[in-house]
């Protein structure tokens, strides 16, 4: 995985498809796309922490798979749907680098973590 661009409300990355990412059917494993997209959403979340946030955790994710591939690169763009004080919702669009064909639509909700206050 290589992050290629980070800016306000936007993160881009690419991942080279390798045989060790294949499912038993010989095509890219769906979990490879989910792991890639969830990692991007995580990096995007960290890049957009509100003041005082010390961490985050994924509390929900969903993926729609639209196509697969055996070779090439997967390009992805993460954009926020919601940037709140306690949660962020990120969408990640994954496309095949050679054909520009959509491969998956990913959405996750991140819970933001603040330091514990003394006495709680």
N, C-alpha and C. Protein backbone atom coordinates (compact mmCIF):
# COMPACT_ATOMS: atom_id res chain seq x y z
N UNK A 1 0.85 -1.17 0.00
CA UNK A 1 0.00 0.00 0.00
C UNK A 1 0.89 1.23 0.00
N UNK A 2 0.54 2.19 -0.84
CA UNK A 2 1.29 3.45 -0.91
C UNK A 2 0.30 4.61 -0.90
N UNK A 3 0.43 5.47 0.10
CA UNK A 3 -0.40 6.67 0.15
C UNK A 3 0.22 7.67 -0.82
N UNK A 4 -0.60 8.18 -1.74
CA UNK A 4 -0.09 9.06 -2.79
C UNK A 4 -0.47 10.52 -2.60
N UNK A 5 -1.51 10.79 -1.81
CA UNK A 5 -1.91 12.18 -1.58
C UNK A 5 -2.76 12.29 -0.33
N UNK A 6 -2.46 13.30 0.48
CA UNK A 6 -3.27 13.62 1.65
C UNK A 6 -3.49 15.13 1.63
N UNK A 7 -4.75 15.51 1.68
CA UNK A 7 -5.09 16.93 1.81
C UNK A 7 -6.40 17.03 2.58
N UNK A 8 -6.84 18.23 2.82
CA UNK A 8 -8.06 18.44 3.58
C UNK A 8 -9.22 17.65 2.96
N UNK A 9 -9.83 16.77 3.77
CA UNK A 9 -10.99 15.96 3.39
C UNK A 9 -10.73 15.07 2.16
N UNK A 10 -9.50 14.54 2.06
CA UNK A 10 -9.17 13.73 0.89
C UNK A 10 -7.89 12.94 1.17
N UNK A 11 -7.91 11.65 0.83
CA UNK A 11 -6.71 10.81 0.92
C UNK A 11 -6.75 9.85 -0.26
N UNK A 12 -5.62 9.70 -0.95
CA UNK A 12 -5.52 8.77 -2.07
C UNK A 12 -4.40 7.78 -1.82
N UNK A 13 -4.56 6.58 -2.35
CA UNK A 13 -3.53 5.55 -2.21
C UNK A 13 -3.69 4.51 -3.31
N UNK A 14 -2.66 3.67 -3.44
CA UNK A 14 -2.73 2.58 -4.40
C UNK A 14 -2.15 1.32 -3.78
N UNK A 15 -2.56 0.19 -4.32
CA UNK A 15 -2.10 -1.11 -3.85
C UNK A 15 -1.88 -1.99 -5.08
N UNK A 16 -0.73 -2.60 -5.18
CA UNK A 16 -0.44 -3.52 -6.28
C UNK A 16 -1.07 -4.88 -5.97
N UNK A 17 -1.79 -5.41 -6.95
CA UNK A 17 -2.41 -6.73 -6.80
C UNK A 17 -1.32 -7.78 -6.94
N UNK A 18 -1.26 -8.69 -5.96
CA UNK A 18 -0.26 -9.77 -5.98
C UNK A 18 -0.98 -11.11 -5.77
N UNK A 19 -0.40 -12.20 -6.24
CA UNK A 19 -1.02 -13.51 -6.08
C UNK A 19 -1.32 -13.88 -4.62
N UNK A 20 -0.50 -13.37 -3.66
CA UNK A 20 -0.79 -13.72 -2.27
C UNK A 20 -2.02 -12.98 -1.75
N UNK A 21 -2.62 -12.09 -2.54
CA UNK A 21 -3.89 -11.44 -2.19
C UNK A 21 -5.09 -12.16 -2.81
N UNK A 22 -4.84 -13.26 -3.54
CA UNK A 22 -5.93 -13.98 -4.23
C UNK A 22 -6.76 -14.81 -3.26
N UNK A 23 -8.02 -14.94 -3.61
CA UNK A 23 -8.93 -15.87 -2.94
C UNK A 23 -8.75 -17.25 -3.59
N UNK A 24 -9.36 -18.29 -3.05
CA UNK A 24 -9.23 -19.61 -3.66
C UNK A 24 -9.71 -19.68 -5.12
N UNK A 25 -10.53 -18.73 -5.56
CA UNK A 25 -10.99 -18.74 -6.96
C UNK A 25 -9.98 -18.14 -7.93
N UNK A 26 -8.83 -17.66 -7.42
CA UNK A 26 -7.79 -17.13 -8.29
C UNK A 26 -7.90 -15.65 -8.59
N UNK A 27 -8.85 -14.98 -7.97
CA UNK A 27 -9.01 -13.53 -8.13
C UNK A 27 -8.73 -12.84 -6.81
N UNK A 28 -8.64 -11.52 -6.86
CA UNK A 28 -8.36 -10.73 -5.67
C UNK A 28 -9.37 -11.03 -4.57
N UNK A 29 -8.88 -11.34 -3.39
CA UNK A 29 -9.73 -11.66 -2.25
C UNK A 29 -10.45 -10.40 -1.78
N UNK A 30 -11.74 -10.52 -1.50
CA UNK A 30 -12.53 -9.38 -1.03
C UNK A 30 -11.92 -8.77 0.23
N UNK A 31 -11.37 -9.60 1.09
CA UNK A 31 -10.77 -9.11 2.32
C UNK A 31 -9.56 -8.22 2.06
N UNK A 32 -8.88 -8.42 0.94
CA UNK A 32 -7.76 -7.54 0.59
C UNK A 32 -8.25 -6.13 0.34
N UNK A 33 -9.39 -6.01 -0.35
CA UNK A 33 -9.96 -4.69 -0.61
C UNK A 33 -10.47 -4.05 0.67
N UNK A 34 -11.11 -4.85 1.53
CA UNK A 34 -11.62 -4.32 2.80
C UNK A 34 -10.46 -3.84 3.67
N UNK A 35 -9.41 -4.63 3.76
CA UNK A 35 -8.25 -4.24 4.56
C UNK A 35 -7.59 -2.98 4.04
N UNK A 36 -7.48 -2.88 2.72
CA UNK A 36 -6.91 -1.69 2.10
C UNK A 36 -7.77 -0.47 2.39
N UNK A 37 -9.07 -0.58 2.14
CA UNK A 37 -9.97 0.55 2.35
C UNK A 37 -10.04 0.96 3.83
N UNK A 38 -10.09 -0.01 4.73
CA UNK A 38 -10.15 0.31 6.15
C UNK A 38 -8.87 0.98 6.62
N UNK A 39 -7.73 0.57 6.08
CA UNK A 39 -6.47 1.23 6.41
C UNK A 39 -6.47 2.68 5.95
N UNK A 40 -6.98 2.92 4.74
CA UNK A 40 -7.04 4.29 4.23
C UNK A 40 -7.96 5.15 5.08
N UNK A 41 -9.10 4.60 5.45
CA UNK A 41 -10.02 5.36 6.30
C UNK A 41 -9.38 5.66 7.65
N UNK A 42 -8.58 4.74 8.15
CA UNK A 42 -7.88 4.96 9.41
C UNK A 42 -6.85 6.08 9.30
N UNK A 43 -6.05 6.05 8.24
CA UNK A 43 -5.08 7.13 8.04
C UNK A 43 -5.79 8.47 7.85
N UNK A 44 -6.88 8.47 7.11
CA UNK A 44 -7.64 9.70 6.89
C UNK A 44 -8.22 10.22 8.20
N UNK A 45 -8.69 9.32 9.05
CA UNK A 45 -9.22 9.72 10.35
C UNK A 45 -8.14 10.41 11.17
N UNK A 46 -6.97 9.79 11.26
CA UNK A 46 -5.87 10.38 12.03
C UNK A 46 -5.50 11.76 11.47
N UNK A 47 -5.51 11.90 10.16
CA UNK A 47 -5.16 13.18 9.54
C UNK A 47 -6.21 14.26 9.81
N UNK A 48 -7.38 13.86 10.29
CA UNK A 48 -8.47 14.80 10.52
C UNK A 48 -8.96 14.78 11.98
N UNK A 49 -8.08 14.41 12.90
CA UNK A 49 -8.45 14.43 14.32
C UNK A 49 -8.81 15.85 14.77
N UNK A 50 -9.92 16.00 15.49
CA UNK A 50 -10.17 17.27 16.17
C UNK A 50 -9.18 17.43 17.33
N UNK A 51 -9.02 18.63 17.80
CA UNK A 51 -8.13 18.93 18.91
C UNK A 51 -8.49 18.06 20.13
N UNK A 52 -7.49 17.43 20.71
CA UNK A 52 -7.68 16.65 21.93
C UNK A 52 -7.89 15.16 21.72
N UNK A 53 -8.15 14.72 20.51
CA UNK A 53 -8.36 13.30 20.24
C UNK A 53 -7.03 12.57 20.33
N UNK A 54 -7.04 11.39 20.99
CA UNK A 54 -5.81 10.62 21.16
C UNK A 54 -5.84 9.28 20.40
N UNK A 55 -6.97 8.93 19.84
CA UNK A 55 -7.06 7.67 19.12
C UNK A 55 -8.44 7.51 18.49
N UNK A 56 -8.64 6.33 17.90
CA UNK A 56 -9.93 6.03 17.29
C UNK A 56 -10.08 4.52 17.19
N UNK A 57 -11.29 4.09 16.93
CA UNK A 57 -11.55 2.68 16.62
C UNK A 57 -12.70 2.60 15.63
N UNK A 58 -12.63 1.64 14.72
CA UNK A 58 -13.71 1.42 13.77
C UNK A 58 -14.87 0.77 14.49
N UNK A 59 -16.07 1.35 14.36
CA UNK A 59 -17.24 0.76 15.02
C UNK A 59 -18.23 0.15 14.03
N UNK A 60 -18.07 0.47 12.75
CA UNK A 60 -18.92 -0.16 11.74
C UNK A 60 -18.25 -0.03 10.38
N UNK A 61 -18.40 -1.06 9.53
CA UNK A 61 -17.95 -0.95 8.15
C UNK A 61 -18.82 -1.78 7.25
N UNK A 62 -18.89 -1.34 6.00
CA UNK A 62 -19.71 -2.02 4.99
C UNK A 62 -19.00 -1.86 3.65
N UNK A 63 -19.08 -2.90 2.83
CA UNK A 63 -18.47 -2.85 1.50
C UNK A 63 -19.40 -3.46 0.48
N UNK A 64 -19.55 -2.79 -0.65
CA UNK A 64 -20.22 -3.35 -1.82
C UNK A 64 -19.13 -3.67 -2.84
N UNK A 65 -19.07 -4.91 -3.29
CA UNK A 65 -18.08 -5.33 -4.27
C UNK A 65 -18.71 -5.30 -5.66
N UNK A 66 -18.01 -4.66 -6.60
CA UNK A 66 -18.57 -4.45 -7.93
C UNK A 66 -17.81 -5.19 -9.03
N UNK A 67 -16.52 -5.43 -8.82
CA UNK A 67 -15.71 -6.17 -9.80
C UNK A 67 -14.45 -6.66 -9.11
N UNK A 68 -13.69 -7.46 -9.82
CA UNK A 68 -12.44 -7.98 -9.27
C UNK A 68 -11.36 -7.92 -10.35
N UNK A 69 -10.17 -8.37 -10.01
CA UNK A 69 -9.05 -8.36 -10.95
C UNK A 69 -8.02 -9.37 -10.50
N UNK A 70 -7.07 -9.65 -11.39
CA UNK A 70 -5.96 -10.55 -11.09
C UNK A 70 -4.61 -9.86 -11.18
N UNK A 71 -4.56 -8.73 -11.88
CA UNK A 71 -3.31 -8.01 -12.07
C UNK A 71 -3.55 -6.51 -11.99
N UNK A 72 -2.46 -5.76 -11.92
CA UNK A 72 -2.55 -4.31 -11.94
C UNK A 72 -2.54 -3.71 -10.55
N UNK A 73 -3.12 -2.52 -10.45
CA UNK A 73 -3.18 -1.81 -9.18
C UNK A 73 -4.62 -1.43 -8.85
N UNK A 74 -4.86 -1.33 -7.56
CA UNK A 74 -6.13 -0.79 -7.07
C UNK A 74 -5.83 0.62 -6.60
N UNK A 75 -6.57 1.59 -7.12
CA UNK A 75 -6.46 2.98 -6.69
C UNK A 75 -7.67 3.30 -5.82
N UNK A 76 -7.46 4.07 -4.77
CA UNK A 76 -8.55 4.37 -3.85
C UNK A 76 -8.52 5.83 -3.43
N UNK A 77 -9.71 6.37 -3.24
CA UNK A 77 -9.88 7.73 -2.74
C UNK A 77 -10.82 7.68 -1.54
N UNK A 78 -10.35 8.24 -0.42
CA UNK A 78 -11.15 8.32 0.80
C UNK A 78 -11.62 9.76 0.98
N UNK A 79 -12.92 9.92 1.21
CA UNK A 79 -13.50 11.23 1.47
C UNK A 79 -14.47 11.12 2.64
N UNK A 80 -14.57 12.18 3.45
CA UNK A 80 -15.46 12.10 4.61
C UNK A 80 -16.91 12.40 4.25
N UNK A 81 -17.78 11.67 4.87
CA UNK A 81 -19.21 11.98 4.82
C UNK A 81 -19.60 12.79 6.05
N UNK A 82 -18.85 12.57 7.14
CA UNK A 82 -19.14 13.25 8.41
C UNK A 82 -17.84 13.37 9.21
N UNK A 83 -17.55 14.58 9.69
CA UNK A 83 -16.38 14.81 10.54
C UNK A 83 -16.88 15.47 11.83
N UNK A 84 -17.27 14.65 12.79
CA UNK A 84 -17.81 15.17 14.04
C UNK A 84 -16.80 15.16 15.17
N UNK A 85 -17.27 15.56 16.37
CA UNK A 85 -16.40 15.58 17.55
C UNK A 85 -16.21 14.19 18.14
N UNK A 86 -17.18 13.28 17.93
CA UNK A 86 -17.09 11.95 18.51
C UNK A 86 -17.03 10.83 17.48
N UNK A 87 -17.45 11.13 16.25
CA UNK A 87 -17.39 10.12 15.19
C UNK A 87 -17.01 10.77 13.86
N UNK A 88 -16.44 9.94 12.99
CA UNK A 88 -16.20 10.31 11.60
C UNK A 88 -16.73 9.18 10.73
N UNK A 89 -17.29 9.52 9.58
CA UNK A 89 -17.75 8.54 8.60
C UNK A 89 -16.97 8.79 7.31
N UNK A 90 -16.29 7.74 6.84
CA UNK A 90 -15.45 7.83 5.65
C UNK A 90 -15.95 6.91 4.55
N UNK A 91 -15.98 7.42 3.32
CA UNK A 91 -16.26 6.63 2.12
C UNK A 91 -14.95 6.42 1.38
N UNK A 92 -14.77 5.20 0.87
CA UNK A 92 -13.60 4.90 0.05
C UNK A 92 -14.08 4.26 -1.25
N UNK A 93 -13.71 4.88 -2.35
CA UNK A 93 -14.02 4.34 -3.67
C UNK A 93 -12.76 3.67 -4.20
N UNK A 94 -12.87 2.38 -4.53
CA UNK A 94 -11.74 1.62 -5.05
C UNK A 94 -11.96 1.33 -6.52
N UNK A 95 -10.94 1.63 -7.34
CA UNK A 95 -11.00 1.44 -8.79
C UNK A 95 -9.77 0.69 -9.28
N UNK A 96 -9.92 0.00 -10.41
CA UNK A 96 -8.77 -0.66 -11.02
C UNK A 96 -7.95 0.40 -11.75
N UNK A 97 -6.64 0.39 -11.52
CA UNK A 97 -5.77 1.43 -12.08
C UNK A 97 -5.70 1.45 -13.59
N UNK A 98 -5.81 0.30 -14.24
CA UNK A 98 -5.70 0.24 -15.70
C UNK A 98 -7.01 0.55 -16.41
N UNK A 99 -8.11 0.04 -15.88
CA UNK A 99 -9.41 0.17 -16.56
C UNK A 99 -10.28 1.27 -15.98
N UNK A 100 -9.95 1.76 -14.80
CA UNK A 100 -10.75 2.75 -14.05
C UNK A 100 -12.12 2.18 -13.64
N UNK A 101 -12.28 0.87 -13.76
CA UNK A 101 -13.54 0.23 -13.39
C UNK A 101 -13.67 0.22 -11.87
N UNK A 102 -14.87 0.58 -11.38
CA UNK A 102 -15.12 0.53 -9.94
C UNK A 102 -15.03 -0.91 -9.45
N UNK A 103 -14.28 -1.10 -8.37
CA UNK A 103 -14.14 -2.44 -7.79
C UNK A 103 -14.95 -2.59 -6.51
N UNK A 104 -15.02 -1.51 -5.72
CA UNK A 104 -15.75 -1.60 -4.45
C UNK A 104 -16.09 -0.21 -3.93
N UNK A 105 -17.18 -0.17 -3.17
CA UNK A 105 -17.59 1.02 -2.43
C UNK A 105 -17.55 0.63 -0.96
N UNK A 106 -16.78 1.37 -0.17
CA UNK A 106 -16.55 1.06 1.25
C UNK A 106 -16.99 2.26 2.08
N UNK A 107 -17.62 1.98 3.22
CA UNK A 107 -17.96 3.04 4.17
C UNK A 107 -17.71 2.53 5.58
N UNK A 108 -17.12 3.39 6.41
CA UNK A 108 -16.92 3.01 7.80
C UNK A 108 -17.17 4.19 8.73
N UNK A 109 -17.51 3.84 9.95
CA UNK A 109 -17.71 4.82 11.02
C UNK A 109 -16.60 4.62 12.03
N UNK A 110 -15.93 5.72 12.37
CA UNK A 110 -14.84 5.70 13.33
C UNK A 110 -15.28 6.44 14.60
N UNK A 111 -15.08 5.81 15.74
CA UNK A 111 -15.33 6.48 17.02
C UNK A 111 -14.03 7.11 17.48
N UNK A 112 -14.08 8.41 17.80
CA UNK A 112 -12.91 9.14 18.25
C UNK A 112 -12.75 8.98 19.74
N UNK A 113 -11.50 8.86 20.18
CA UNK A 113 -11.21 8.60 21.59
C UNK A 113 -10.46 9.80 22.17
N UNK A 114 -10.97 10.24 23.31
CA UNK A 114 -10.36 11.36 24.04
C UNK A 114 -9.73 10.81 25.30
N UNK A 115 -8.77 11.55 25.89
CA UNK A 115 -8.16 11.07 27.15
C UNK A 115 -9.23 10.99 28.23
N UNK A 116 -9.06 9.99 29.12
CA UNK A 116 -9.98 9.87 30.25
C UNK A 116 -9.73 11.02 31.20
N UNK A 117 -10.83 11.53 31.75
CA UNK A 117 -10.69 12.58 32.77
C UNK A 117 -10.49 11.92 34.11
N UNK A 118 -9.65 12.50 34.94
CA UNK A 118 -9.39 11.94 36.27
C UNK A 118 -10.69 11.90 37.07
N UNK A 119 -10.86 10.81 37.81
CA UNK A 119 -12.05 10.64 38.65
C UNK A 119 -13.20 9.99 37.92
N UNK A 120 -13.01 9.59 36.68
CA UNK A 120 -14.10 8.91 35.96
C UNK A 120 -13.82 7.44 35.82
